[in-house]
Amino acid sequence: MLLSREQTEFYLQDLETPVGKAINLAIAALVLLSSGIFVAETYNIPDNVRFQLHIIDTAIFIIFALEYALRFWSAENKIKYIFI
């Protein structure tokens, strides 16, 4: 099931429906996880743990990049979306 641009924009902006709440909660959780990883990397930790944290942080970055691309794709005024 593919969503139209309008539906995608609605769910990414929505805070009322369960889907909109889940998307925004997931984004907030990823921000907190990424922040926790940043803090953890400031401590003396084993290299294998640091490597695993780096992989997780890279995956989070890719998710955020995809989310931004979806928001850009679904934006009605793309130039305005970039600069505001």
C-alpha atoms as a PDB file:
ATOM      1  CA  MET A   1       0.000   0.000   0.000  1.00  0.00           C
ATOM      2  CA  LEU A   2       1.598   3.233  -1.166  1.00  0.00           C
ATOM      3  CA  LEU A   3       0.678   6.526   0.403  1.00  0.00           C
ATOM      4  CA  SER A   4       0.096   9.650  -1.640  1.00  0.00           C
ATOM      5  CA  ARG A   5       2.065  12.810  -0.960  1.00  0.00           C
ATOM      6  CA  GLU A   6      -0.896  14.299   0.875  1.00  0.00           C
ATOM      7  CA  GLN A   7      -1.314  11.252   3.108  1.00  0.00           C
ATOM      8  CA  THR A   8       2.421  11.137   3.837  1.00  0.00           C
ATOM      9  CA  GLU A   9       2.474  14.816   4.755  1.00  0.00           C
ATOM     10  CA  PHE A  10      -0.596  14.350   6.958  1.00  0.00           C
ATOM     11  CA  TYR A  11       0.927  11.493   8.951  1.00  0.00           C
ATOM     12  CA  LEU A  12       4.290  13.253   9.336  1.00  0.00           C
ATOM     13  CA  GLN A  13       2.601  16.442  10.631  1.00  0.00           C
ATOM     14  CA  ASP A  14      -0.226  14.815  12.603  1.00  0.00           C
ATOM     15  CA  LEU A  15      -0.260  14.572  16.386  1.00  0.00           C
ATOM     16  CA  GLU A  16      -3.832  13.359  16.857  1.00  0.00           C
ATOM     17  CA  THR A  17      -4.142   9.959  15.155  1.00  0.00           C
ATOM     18  CA  PRO A  18      -2.409   6.816  16.488  1.00  0.00           C
ATOM     19  CA  VAL A  19      -0.168   6.624  13.400  1.00  0.00           C
ATOM     20  CA  GLY A  20       0.892  10.265  13.744  1.00  0.00           C
ATOM     21  CA  LYS A  21       1.553   9.827  17.450  1.00  0.00           C
ATOM     22  CA  ALA A  22       3.591   6.669  16.813  1.00  0.00           C
ATOM     23  CA  ILE A  23       5.716   8.384  14.162  1.00  0.00           C
ATOM     24  CA  ASN A  24       6.448  11.376  16.379  1.00  0.00           C
ATOM     25  CA  LEU A  25       7.107   9.181  19.410  1.00  0.00           C
ATOM     26  CA  ALA A  26       9.514   7.033  17.390  1.00  0.00           C
ATOM     27  CA  ILE A  27      11.366  10.142  16.189  1.00  0.00           C
ATOM     28  CA  ALA A  28      11.618  11.448  19.752  1.00  0.00           C
ATOM     29  CA  ALA A  29      12.885   8.065  20.974  1.00  0.00           C
ATOM     30  CA  LEU A  30      15.542   7.994  18.240  1.00  0.00           C
ATOM     31  CA  VAL A  31      16.674  11.513  19.189  1.00  0.00           C
ATOM     32  CA  LEU A  32      17.025  10.426  22.826  1.00  0.00           C
ATOM     33  CA  LEU A  33      18.862   7.251  21.829  1.00  0.00           C
ATOM     34  CA  SER A  34      21.237   9.201  19.608  1.00  0.00           C
ATOM     35  CA  SER A  35      21.876  11.666  22.441  1.00  0.00           C
ATOM     36  CA  GLY A  36      22.577   8.783  24.819  1.00  0.00           C
ATOM     37  CA  ILE A  37      25.026   7.291  22.343  1.00  0.00           C
ATOM     38  CA  PHE A  38      26.795  10.645  22.059  1.00  0.00           C
ATOM     39  CA  VAL A  39      27.161  10.813  25.838  1.00  0.00           C
ATOM     40  CA  ALA A  40      28.301   7.178  26.070  1.00  0.00           C
ATOM     41  CA  GLU A  41      30.998   7.791  23.454  1.00  0.00           C
ATOM     42  CA  THR A  42      32.569  10.470  25.668  1.00  0.00           C
ATOM     43  CA  TYR A  43      33.501   7.810  28.228  1.00  0.00           C
ATOM     44  CA  ASN A  44      36.274   5.250  28.112  1.00  0.00           C
ATOM     45  CA  ILE A  45      34.493   2.253  26.588  1.00  0.00           C
ATOM     46  CA  PRO A  46      35.847  -0.838  24.830  1.00  0.00           C
ATOM     47  CA  ASP A  47      36.427  -0.551  21.106  1.00  0.00           C
ATOM     48  CA  ASN A  48      33.872  -3.239  20.241  1.00  0.00           C
ATOM     49  CA  VAL A  49      31.157  -1.355  22.176  1.00  0.00           C
ATOM     50  CA  ARG A  50      32.196   1.918  20.530  1.00  0.00           C
ATOM     51  CA  PHE A  51      31.945   0.213  17.116  1.00  0.00           C
ATOM     52  CA  GLN A  52      28.456  -1.129  17.881  1.00  0.00           C
ATOM     53  CA  LEU A  53      27.337   2.306  19.075  1.00  0.00           C
ATOM     54  CA  HIS A  54      28.711   3.807  15.864  1.00  0.00           C
ATOM     55  CA  ILE A  55      26.695   1.315  13.786  1.00  0.00           C
ATOM     56  CA  ILE A  56      23.511   2.137  15.722  1.00  0.00           C
ATOM     57  CA  ASP A  57      24.164   5.867  15.395  1.00  0.00           C
ATOM     58  CA  THR A  58      24.729   5.492  11.643  1.00  0.00           C
ATOM     59  CA  ALA A  59      21.441   3.591  11.317  1.00  0.00           C
ATOM     60  CA  ILE A  60      19.661   6.381  13.196  1.00  0.00           C
ATOM     61  CA  PHE A  61      21.251   8.938  10.865  1.00  0.00           C
ATOM     62  CA  ILE A  62      19.981   7.005   7.827  1.00  0.00           C
ATOM     63  CA  ILE A  63      16.475   6.869   9.331  1.00  0.00           C
ATOM     64  CA  PHE A  64      16.543  10.643   9.898  1.00  0.00           C
ATOM     65  CA  ALA A  65      17.792  11.233   6.354  1.00  0.00           C
ATOM     66  CA  LEU A  66      14.950   9.106   4.973  1.00  0.00           C
ATOM     67  CA  GLU A  67      12.450  10.929   7.176  1.00  0.00           C
ATOM     68  CA  TYR A  68      13.705  14.295   5.915  1.00  0.00           C
ATOM     69  CA  ALA A  69      13.535  13.062   2.318  1.00  0.00           C
ATOM     70  CA  LEU A  70       9.933  11.940   2.885  1.00  0.00           C
ATOM     71  CA  ARG A  71       9.041  15.301   4.421  1.00  0.00           C
ATOM     72  CA  PHE A  72      10.695  17.111   1.498  1.00  0.00           C
ATOM     73  CA  TRP A  73       8.954  14.882  -1.057  1.00  0.00           C
ATOM     74  CA  SER A  74       5.562  15.441   0.532  1.00  0.00           C
ATOM     75  CA  ALA A  75       5.986  19.200   1.071  1.00  0.00           C
ATOM     76  CA  GLU A  76       3.720  21.331  -1.053  1.00  0.00           C
ATOM     77  CA  ASN A  77       6.204  24.214  -1.344  1.00  0.00           C
ATOM     78  CA  LYS A  78       9.654  22.617  -1.459  1.00  0.00           C
ATOM     79  CA  ILE A  79      11.671  25.854  -1.540  1.00  0.00           C
ATOM     80  CA  LYS A  80       9.804  27.143   1.512  1.00  0.00           C
ATOM     81  CA  TYR A  81      10.362  23.809   3.279  1.00  0.00           C
ATOM     82  CA  ILE A  82      14.126  24.039   2.751  1.00  0.00           C
ATOM     83  CA  PHE A  83      14.491  27.580   4.083  1.00  0.00           C
ATOM     84  CA  ILE A  84      11.960  27.576   6.924  1.00  0.00           C
END
